[in-house]
Amino acid sequence: MSYFLRLAKGYTLIELLIVSGIMVVILAVGALGLLNYRANQDLRLVTQLIASTLRDARSNATTGEDGLSWGVRFVGGVRGTATMYSTNGTGYSASATTTLKSDLEFRDPATGERKDIVFDRLTGYPSSGAAVILKIGVVGNDDASTTITTYA
């Protein structure tokens, strides 16, 4: 009789499957949150790098570095580039290039387009005379973006 009353020790297969399923859901949510956090950190970092590149170009222009005009060229799209350059009016010489990581894209300028910001040597303002807007975002996430505006 004591054989039938013996308590079972351990977990049933159903209990193990339920716990495993809950753990998979928790890990998936955590992994997605980590990926979004990483993409947002990349976005902040590249925004700071581009702002620094713009400040350097503006500083070089106003100090008359090498007697040339200085600017930054942005090429749009995924893995877009921002290149600081000096120009004498006919050609240009690149001095520093920042390439976006694969999870970031320029949204303005659009893919295949480019946008140049050349700084006036006297005032340090963009020589176009108008505000220049750059938009950078996380690929596949329309909500995660930042805008850099250079006022004239």
N, C-alpha and C. Protein backbone atom coordinates (compact mmCIF):
# COMPACT_ATOMS: atom_id res chain seq x y z
N MET A 1 0.81 -1.19 0.00
CA MET A 1 0.00 0.00 0.00
C MET A 1 0.87 1.26 0.00
N SER A 2 1.97 1.22 0.72
CA SER A 2 2.83 2.39 0.77
C SER A 2 3.44 2.69 -0.60
N TYR A 3 3.47 1.68 -1.44
CA TYR A 3 3.99 1.89 -2.79
C TYR A 3 3.15 2.89 -3.56
N PHE A 4 1.85 2.86 -3.45
CA PHE A 4 0.96 3.77 -4.18
C PHE A 4 0.89 5.17 -3.54
N LEU A 5 1.21 5.32 -2.31
CA LEU A 5 1.13 6.59 -1.63
C LEU A 5 2.44 7.38 -1.69
N ARG A 6 3.43 6.80 -2.30
CA ARG A 6 4.73 7.47 -2.37
C ARG A 6 4.61 8.78 -3.15
N LEU A 7 5.22 9.87 -2.63
CA LEU A 7 5.16 11.17 -3.29
C LEU A 7 6.13 11.19 -4.47
N ALA A 8 5.69 11.77 -5.55
CA ALA A 8 6.54 11.89 -6.73
C ALA A 8 7.47 13.07 -6.54
N LYS A 9 8.75 12.91 -6.87
CA LYS A 9 9.72 13.99 -6.75
C LYS A 9 10.13 14.43 -8.15
N GLY A 10 10.31 15.75 -8.33
CA GLY A 10 10.70 16.27 -9.63
C GLY A 10 9.56 17.05 -10.27
N TYR A 11 9.79 17.45 -11.52
CA TYR A 11 8.81 18.28 -12.24
C TYR A 11 8.26 17.50 -13.42
N THR A 12 7.05 17.80 -13.77
CA THR A 12 6.44 17.15 -14.92
C THR A 12 6.91 17.84 -16.19
N LEU A 13 6.74 17.21 -17.28
CA LEU A 13 7.14 17.77 -18.58
C LEU A 13 6.38 19.06 -18.88
N ILE A 14 5.13 19.13 -18.54
CA ILE A 14 4.32 20.34 -18.77
C ILE A 14 4.89 21.50 -17.98
N GLU A 15 5.25 21.29 -16.73
CA GLU A 15 5.81 22.36 -15.91
C GLU A 15 7.12 22.88 -16.52
N LEU A 16 7.96 21.99 -16.97
CA LEU A 16 9.22 22.39 -17.59
C LEU A 16 8.99 23.18 -18.87
N LEU A 17 8.03 22.78 -19.68
CA LEU A 17 7.73 23.49 -20.92
C LEU A 17 7.18 24.89 -20.64
N ILE A 18 6.35 25.02 -19.65
CA ILE A 18 5.79 26.33 -19.30
C ILE A 18 6.90 27.27 -18.83
N VAL A 19 7.75 26.81 -17.95
CA VAL A 19 8.84 27.64 -17.45
C VAL A 19 9.80 28.00 -18.58
N SER A 20 10.09 27.05 -19.44
CA SER A 20 10.98 27.32 -20.59
C SER A 20 10.36 28.36 -21.51
N GLY A 21 9.08 28.28 -21.77
CA GLY A 21 8.40 29.25 -22.63
C GLY A 21 8.44 30.65 -22.03
N ILE A 22 8.23 30.76 -20.74
CA ILE A 22 8.28 32.06 -20.08
C ILE A 22 9.69 32.64 -20.17
N MET A 23 10.69 31.82 -19.99
CA MET A 23 12.07 32.30 -20.07
C MET A 23 12.42 32.78 -21.49
N VAL A 24 11.93 32.08 -22.50
CA VAL A 24 12.19 32.49 -23.88
C VAL A 24 11.56 33.86 -24.15
N VAL A 25 10.36 34.09 -23.70
CA VAL A 25 9.68 35.37 -23.89
C VAL A 25 10.45 36.49 -23.18
N ILE A 26 10.87 36.25 -21.95
CA ILE A 26 11.62 37.26 -21.20
C ILE A 26 12.95 37.57 -21.90
N LEU A 27 13.66 36.58 -22.35
CA LEU A 27 14.93 36.78 -23.05
C LEU A 27 14.74 37.52 -24.37
N ALA A 28 13.68 37.22 -25.10
CA ALA A 28 13.43 37.90 -26.37
C ALA A 28 13.14 39.39 -26.15
N VAL A 29 12.34 39.71 -25.15
CA VAL A 29 12.04 41.11 -24.85
C VAL A 29 13.31 41.84 -24.42
N GLY A 30 14.13 41.20 -23.60
CA GLY A 30 15.38 41.79 -23.16
C GLY A 30 16.35 42.02 -24.31
N ALA A 31 16.44 41.07 -25.23
CA ALA A 31 17.34 41.20 -26.37
C ALA A 31 16.90 42.35 -27.29
N LEU A 32 15.61 42.48 -27.53
CA LEU A 32 15.12 43.59 -28.36
C LEU A 32 15.39 44.93 -27.70
N GLY A 33 15.19 45.00 -26.40
CA GLY A 33 15.48 46.23 -25.68
C GLY A 33 16.95 46.58 -25.76
N LEU A 34 17.82 45.60 -25.67
CA LEU A 34 19.26 45.83 -25.75
C LEU A 34 19.65 46.31 -27.14
N LEU A 35 19.07 45.73 -28.18
CA LEU A 35 19.36 46.15 -29.55
C LEU A 35 18.92 47.60 -29.78
N ASN A 36 17.73 47.96 -29.29
CA ASN A 36 17.26 49.34 -29.43
C ASN A 36 18.15 50.30 -28.66
N TYR A 37 18.59 49.91 -27.49
CA TYR A 37 19.48 50.75 -26.70
C TYR A 37 20.79 50.98 -27.45
N ARG A 38 21.34 49.91 -28.02
CA ARG A 38 22.60 50.02 -28.76
C ARG A 38 22.46 50.93 -29.98
N ALA A 39 21.37 50.79 -30.70
CA ALA A 39 21.14 51.64 -31.88
C ALA A 39 21.00 53.10 -31.47
N ASN A 40 20.31 53.37 -30.37
CA ASN A 40 20.17 54.75 -29.90
C ASN A 40 21.51 55.32 -29.43
N GLN A 41 22.34 54.50 -28.82
CA GLN A 41 23.68 54.95 -28.42
C GLN A 41 24.51 55.27 -29.67
N ASP A 42 24.43 54.42 -30.70
CA ASP A 42 25.14 54.69 -31.96
C ASP A 42 24.67 56.00 -32.56
N LEU A 43 23.37 56.25 -32.50
CA LEU A 43 22.81 57.49 -33.04
C LEU A 43 23.34 58.70 -32.28
N ARG A 44 23.38 58.63 -30.96
CA ARG A 44 23.93 59.74 -30.16
C ARG A 44 25.40 59.98 -30.49
N LEU A 45 26.16 58.90 -30.60
CA LEU A 45 27.59 59.02 -30.87
C LEU A 45 27.86 59.66 -32.22
N VAL A 46 27.18 59.19 -33.26
CA VAL A 46 27.43 59.75 -34.60
C VAL A 46 26.94 61.19 -34.68
N THR A 47 25.89 61.53 -33.95
CA THR A 47 25.43 62.93 -33.92
C THR A 47 26.50 63.82 -33.31
N GLN A 48 27.13 63.36 -32.23
CA GLN A 48 28.21 64.13 -31.61
C GLN A 48 29.41 64.24 -32.54
N LEU A 49 29.74 63.15 -33.25
CA LEU A 49 30.87 63.19 -34.18
C LEU A 49 30.63 64.17 -35.32
N ILE A 50 29.42 64.17 -35.86
CA ILE A 50 29.11 65.08 -36.97
C ILE A 50 29.08 66.52 -36.49
N ALA A 51 28.52 66.76 -35.31
CA ALA A 51 28.52 68.12 -34.76
C ALA A 51 29.96 68.60 -34.54
N SER A 52 30.83 67.72 -34.08
CA SER A 52 32.23 68.06 -33.89
C SER A 52 32.92 68.35 -35.23
N THR A 53 32.61 67.56 -36.24
CA THR A 53 33.17 67.78 -37.58
C THR A 53 32.73 69.14 -38.12
N LEU A 54 31.45 69.48 -37.93
CA LEU A 54 30.96 70.78 -38.37
C LEU A 54 31.66 71.92 -37.64
N ARG A 55 31.84 71.76 -36.32
CA ARG A 55 32.55 72.80 -35.55
C ARG A 55 33.99 72.95 -36.02
N ASP A 56 34.67 71.83 -36.29
CA ASP A 56 36.06 71.89 -36.77
C ASP A 56 36.15 72.59 -38.12
N ALA A 57 35.25 72.27 -39.03
CA ALA A 57 35.26 72.91 -40.35
C ALA A 57 34.99 74.41 -40.22
N ARG A 58 34.05 74.75 -39.36
CA ARG A 58 33.74 76.18 -39.14
C ARG A 58 34.94 76.91 -38.55
N SER A 59 35.59 76.28 -37.58
CA SER A 59 36.76 76.87 -36.96
C SER A 59 37.89 77.05 -37.97
N ASN A 60 38.13 76.03 -38.80
CA ASN A 60 39.17 76.13 -39.83
C ASN A 60 38.86 77.24 -40.82
N ALA A 61 37.58 77.41 -41.14
CA ALA A 61 37.20 78.46 -42.09
C ALA A 61 37.44 79.85 -41.50
N THR A 62 37.03 80.05 -40.26
CA THR A 62 37.14 81.39 -39.67
C THR A 62 38.58 81.75 -39.31
N THR A 63 39.43 80.76 -39.04
CA THR A 63 40.83 81.07 -38.76
C THR A 63 41.66 81.15 -40.02
N GLY A 64 41.05 80.86 -41.17
CA GLY A 64 41.76 80.94 -42.44
C GLY A 64 42.78 79.84 -42.60
N GLU A 65 42.52 78.68 -42.04
CA GLU A 65 43.42 77.54 -42.13
C GLU A 65 43.83 77.27 -43.58
N ASP A 66 45.11 77.35 -43.86
CA ASP A 66 45.69 77.11 -45.19
C ASP A 66 45.18 78.08 -46.25
N GLY A 67 44.47 79.15 -45.85
CA GLY A 67 43.96 80.12 -46.80
C GLY A 67 42.86 79.58 -47.70
N LEU A 68 42.21 78.51 -47.27
CA LEU A 68 41.19 77.85 -48.08
C LEU A 68 39.82 77.96 -47.41
N SER A 69 38.79 77.67 -48.19
CA SER A 69 37.44 77.55 -47.64
C SER A 69 37.29 76.13 -47.11
N TRP A 70 36.49 75.98 -46.06
CA TRP A 70 36.28 74.67 -45.45
C TRP A 70 34.80 74.33 -45.43
N GLY A 71 34.52 73.05 -45.59
CA GLY A 71 33.14 72.60 -45.58
C GLY A 71 33.02 71.14 -45.21
N VAL A 72 31.79 70.65 -45.18
CA VAL A 72 31.50 69.25 -44.89
C VAL A 72 30.51 68.76 -45.94
N ARG A 73 30.82 67.61 -46.54
CA ARG A 73 29.93 66.99 -47.54
C ARG A 73 29.28 65.77 -46.92
N PHE A 74 27.95 65.72 -47.04
CA PHE A 74 27.17 64.60 -46.53
C PHE A 74 26.62 63.82 -47.71
N VAL A 75 26.84 62.50 -47.72
CA VAL A 75 26.30 61.63 -48.76
C VAL A 75 25.26 60.75 -48.10
N GLY A 76 24.02 60.81 -48.60
CA GLY A 76 22.90 60.16 -47.94
C GLY A 76 22.82 58.67 -48.11
N GLY A 77 21.98 58.07 -47.27
CA GLY A 77 21.69 56.65 -47.35
C GLY A 77 22.25 55.88 -46.16
N VAL A 78 22.02 54.55 -46.21
CA VAL A 78 22.56 53.66 -45.19
C VAL A 78 24.08 53.66 -45.35
N ARG A 79 24.80 53.73 -44.25
CA ARG A 79 26.25 53.83 -44.23
C ARG A 79 26.71 55.08 -44.99
N GLY A 80 25.93 56.16 -44.85
CA GLY A 80 26.28 57.44 -45.46
C GLY A 80 27.57 57.97 -44.86
N THR A 81 28.11 59.02 -45.47
CA THR A 81 29.38 59.58 -45.00
C THR A 81 29.26 61.08 -44.77
N ALA A 82 30.10 61.57 -43.88
CA ALA A 82 30.27 63.00 -43.64
C ALA A 82 31.76 63.26 -43.78
N THR A 83 32.15 64.07 -44.77
CA THR A 83 33.55 64.32 -45.06
C THR A 83 33.87 65.79 -44.90
N MET A 84 34.81 66.12 -44.01
CA MET A 84 35.28 67.50 -43.87
C MET A 84 36.34 67.71 -44.95
N TYR A 85 36.25 68.84 -45.64
CA TYR A 85 37.19 69.09 -46.72
C TYR A 85 37.56 70.56 -46.80
N SER A 86 38.67 70.81 -47.47
CA SER A 86 39.08 72.18 -47.78
C SER A 86 38.98 72.34 -49.29
N THR A 87 38.69 73.57 -49.72
CA THR A 87 38.53 73.80 -51.15
C THR A 87 39.10 75.17 -51.53
N ASN A 88 39.62 75.22 -52.73
CA ASN A 88 40.10 76.51 -53.26
C ASN A 88 39.12 77.05 -54.30
N GLY A 89 37.98 76.41 -54.42
CA GLY A 89 36.96 76.85 -55.36
C GLY A 89 36.85 75.97 -56.59
N THR A 90 37.92 75.25 -56.94
CA THR A 90 37.86 74.39 -58.12
C THR A 90 37.83 72.92 -57.77
N GLY A 91 38.53 72.52 -56.73
CA GLY A 91 38.55 71.12 -56.30
C GLY A 91 38.52 71.08 -54.79
N TYR A 92 38.51 69.87 -54.25
CA TYR A 92 38.52 69.81 -52.79
C TYR A 92 39.43 68.68 -52.32
N SER A 93 39.91 68.83 -51.10
CA SER A 93 40.80 67.86 -50.49
C SER A 93 40.18 67.42 -49.17
N ALA A 94 39.86 66.13 -49.06
CA ALA A 94 39.23 65.60 -47.85
C ALA A 94 40.25 65.50 -46.73
N SER A 95 39.83 65.87 -45.52
CA SER A 95 40.74 65.78 -44.39
C SER A 95 40.25 64.81 -43.30
N ALA A 96 38.95 64.52 -43.25
CA ALA A 96 38.41 63.57 -42.26
C ALA A 96 37.06 63.07 -42.76
N THR A 97 36.82 61.77 -42.60
CA THR A 97 35.55 61.19 -43.02
C THR A 97 34.95 60.37 -41.89
N THR A 98 33.67 60.56 -41.65
CA THR A 98 32.92 59.76 -40.69
C THR A 98 31.91 58.94 -41.48
N THR A 99 31.94 57.62 -41.30
CA THR A 99 30.99 56.74 -41.99
C THR A 99 30.00 56.21 -40.97
N LEU A 100 28.71 56.28 -41.31
CA LEU A 100 27.68 55.78 -40.41
C LEU A 100 27.77 54.27 -40.28
N LYS A 101 27.41 53.76 -39.10
CA LYS A 101 27.36 52.31 -38.91
C LYS A 101 26.20 51.75 -39.73
N SER A 102 26.21 50.43 -39.90
CA SER A 102 25.22 49.79 -40.78
C SER A 102 23.79 49.93 -40.28
N ASP A 103 23.58 50.22 -39.00
CA ASP A 103 22.21 50.36 -38.50
C ASP A 103 21.72 51.80 -38.51
N LEU A 104 22.52 52.73 -39.11
CA LEU A 104 22.14 54.14 -39.19
C LEU A 104 22.08 54.58 -40.64
N GLU A 105 21.29 55.63 -40.89
CA GLU A 105 21.17 56.16 -42.24
C GLU A 105 20.94 57.66 -42.19
N PHE A 106 21.40 58.34 -43.25
CA PHE A 106 21.02 59.73 -43.44
C PHE A 106 19.65 59.71 -44.10
N ARG A 107 18.71 60.44 -43.54
CA ARG A 107 17.39 60.56 -44.16
C ARG A 107 17.28 61.86 -44.94
N ASP A 108 18.07 62.83 -44.55
CA ASP A 108 18.19 64.07 -45.31
C ASP A 108 19.64 64.49 -45.20
N PRO A 109 20.43 64.34 -46.23
CA PRO A 109 20.08 64.06 -47.61
C PRO A 109 19.64 62.60 -47.81
N ALA A 110 18.79 62.41 -48.79
CA ALA A 110 18.25 61.09 -49.08
C ALA A 110 19.32 60.21 -49.74
N THR A 111 19.01 58.94 -49.87
CA THR A 111 19.93 57.98 -50.47
C THR A 111 20.33 58.44 -51.87
N GLY A 112 21.63 58.44 -52.12
CA GLY A 112 22.15 58.83 -53.42
C GLY A 112 22.33 60.32 -53.61
N GLU A 113 21.82 61.11 -52.70
CA GLU A 113 21.97 62.56 -52.79
C GLU A 113 23.10 63.01 -51.89
N ARG A 114 23.56 64.24 -52.10
CA ARG A 114 24.58 64.79 -51.23
C ARG A 114 24.23 66.22 -50.87
N LYS A 115 24.79 66.65 -49.77
CA LYS A 115 24.54 68.00 -49.28
C LYS A 115 25.88 68.55 -48.79
N ASP A 116 26.23 69.75 -49.26
CA ASP A 116 27.47 70.39 -48.86
C ASP A 116 27.17 71.58 -47.98
N ILE A 117 27.96 71.72 -46.92
CA ILE A 117 27.91 72.91 -46.08
C ILE A 117 29.31 73.52 -46.14
N VAL A 118 29.43 74.67 -46.79
CA VAL A 118 30.70 75.38 -46.87
C VAL A 118 30.57 76.62 -46.00
N PHE A 119 31.53 76.83 -45.13
CA PHE A 119 31.47 77.93 -44.17
C PHE A 119 32.17 79.17 -44.72
N ASP A 120 31.54 80.32 -44.51
CA ASP A 120 32.09 81.60 -44.94
C ASP A 120 33.32 81.91 -44.09
N ARG A 121 34.38 82.41 -44.73
CA ARG A 121 35.63 82.65 -44.03
C ARG A 121 35.54 83.83 -43.07
N LEU A 122 34.66 84.77 -43.31
CA LEU A 122 34.56 85.93 -42.43
C LEU A 122 33.61 85.71 -41.27
N THR A 123 32.42 85.20 -41.56
CA THR A 123 31.38 85.08 -40.53
C THR A 123 31.32 83.70 -39.88
N GLY A 124 31.78 82.67 -40.56
CA GLY A 124 31.66 81.32 -40.04
C GLY A 124 30.31 80.69 -40.29
N TYR A 125 29.40 81.44 -40.91
CA TYR A 125 28.08 80.89 -41.23
C TYR A 125 28.14 80.11 -42.53
N PRO A 126 27.20 79.20 -42.74
CA PRO A 126 27.17 78.50 -44.03
C PRO A 126 27.02 79.51 -45.16
N SER A 127 27.79 79.33 -46.22
CA SER A 127 27.78 80.30 -47.30
C SER A 127 26.52 80.25 -48.14
N SER A 128 25.69 79.21 -47.96
CA SER A 128 24.45 79.11 -48.72
C SER A 128 23.45 80.19 -48.31
N GLY A 129 23.61 80.74 -47.11
CA GLY A 129 22.70 81.78 -46.64
C GLY A 129 21.41 81.27 -46.07
N ALA A 130 21.22 79.95 -46.06
CA ALA A 130 20.00 79.36 -45.53
C ALA A 130 20.36 78.31 -44.48
N ALA A 131 19.42 77.98 -43.64
CA ALA A 131 19.65 76.93 -42.65
C ALA A 131 19.80 75.59 -43.37
N VAL A 132 20.71 74.77 -42.90
CA VAL A 132 20.93 73.45 -43.48
C VAL A 132 20.50 72.42 -42.44
N ILE A 133 19.62 71.51 -42.86
CA ILE A 133 19.08 70.51 -41.93
C ILE A 133 19.56 69.14 -42.36
N LEU A 134 20.11 68.40 -41.41
CA LEU A 134 20.52 67.01 -41.63
C LEU A 134 19.66 66.14 -40.73
N LYS A 135 19.23 64.99 -41.23
CA LYS A 135 18.43 64.08 -40.42
C LYS A 135 19.08 62.70 -40.48
N ILE A 136 19.35 62.15 -39.30
CA ILE A 136 19.98 60.84 -39.18
C ILE A 136 19.03 59.95 -38.40
N GLY A 137 18.87 58.70 -38.84
CA GLY A 137 17.96 57.82 -38.14
C GLY A 137 18.44 56.39 -38.09
N VAL A 138 17.76 55.60 -37.26
CA VAL A 138 18.04 54.18 -37.13
C VAL A 138 17.28 53.46 -38.23
N VAL A 139 17.96 52.58 -38.96
CA VAL A 139 17.34 51.84 -40.06
C VAL A 139 16.19 51.01 -39.52
N GLY A 140 15.02 51.13 -40.14
CA GLY A 140 13.85 50.35 -39.76
C GLY A 140 13.08 50.88 -38.57
N ASN A 141 13.49 52.03 -38.02
CA ASN A 141 12.79 52.60 -36.87
C ASN A 141 12.58 54.09 -37.14
N ASP A 142 11.40 54.44 -37.63
CA ASP A 142 11.11 55.82 -37.99
C ASP A 142 11.08 56.76 -36.79
N ASP A 143 10.87 56.22 -35.60
CA ASP A 143 10.79 57.06 -34.41
C ASP A 143 12.16 57.46 -33.87
N ALA A 144 13.17 56.66 -34.15
CA ALA A 144 14.51 56.92 -33.63
C ALA A 144 15.32 57.72 -34.67
N SER A 145 15.34 59.03 -34.48
CA SER A 145 16.10 59.88 -35.39
C SER A 145 16.52 61.15 -34.66
N THR A 146 17.46 61.85 -35.25
CA THR A 146 17.90 63.11 -34.70
C THR A 146 18.11 64.09 -35.85
N THR A 147 17.99 65.36 -35.56
CA THR A 147 18.14 66.40 -36.57
C THR A 147 19.25 67.35 -36.15
N ILE A 148 20.13 67.67 -37.08
CA ILE A 148 21.18 68.67 -36.86
C ILE A 148 20.87 69.82 -37.78
N THR A 149 20.75 71.01 -37.21
CA THR A 149 20.44 72.20 -37.99
C THR A 149 21.62 73.17 -37.88
N THR A 150 22.13 73.61 -39.02
CA THR A 150 23.18 74.62 -39.07
C THR A 150 22.55 75.89 -39.58
N TYR A 151 22.47 76.89 -38.72
CA TYR A 151 21.81 78.15 -39.08
C TYR A 151 22.76 79.09 -39.78
N ALA A 152 22.20 79.83 -40.75
CA ALA A 152 22.99 80.83 -41.46
C ALA A 152 22.84 82.17 -40.78
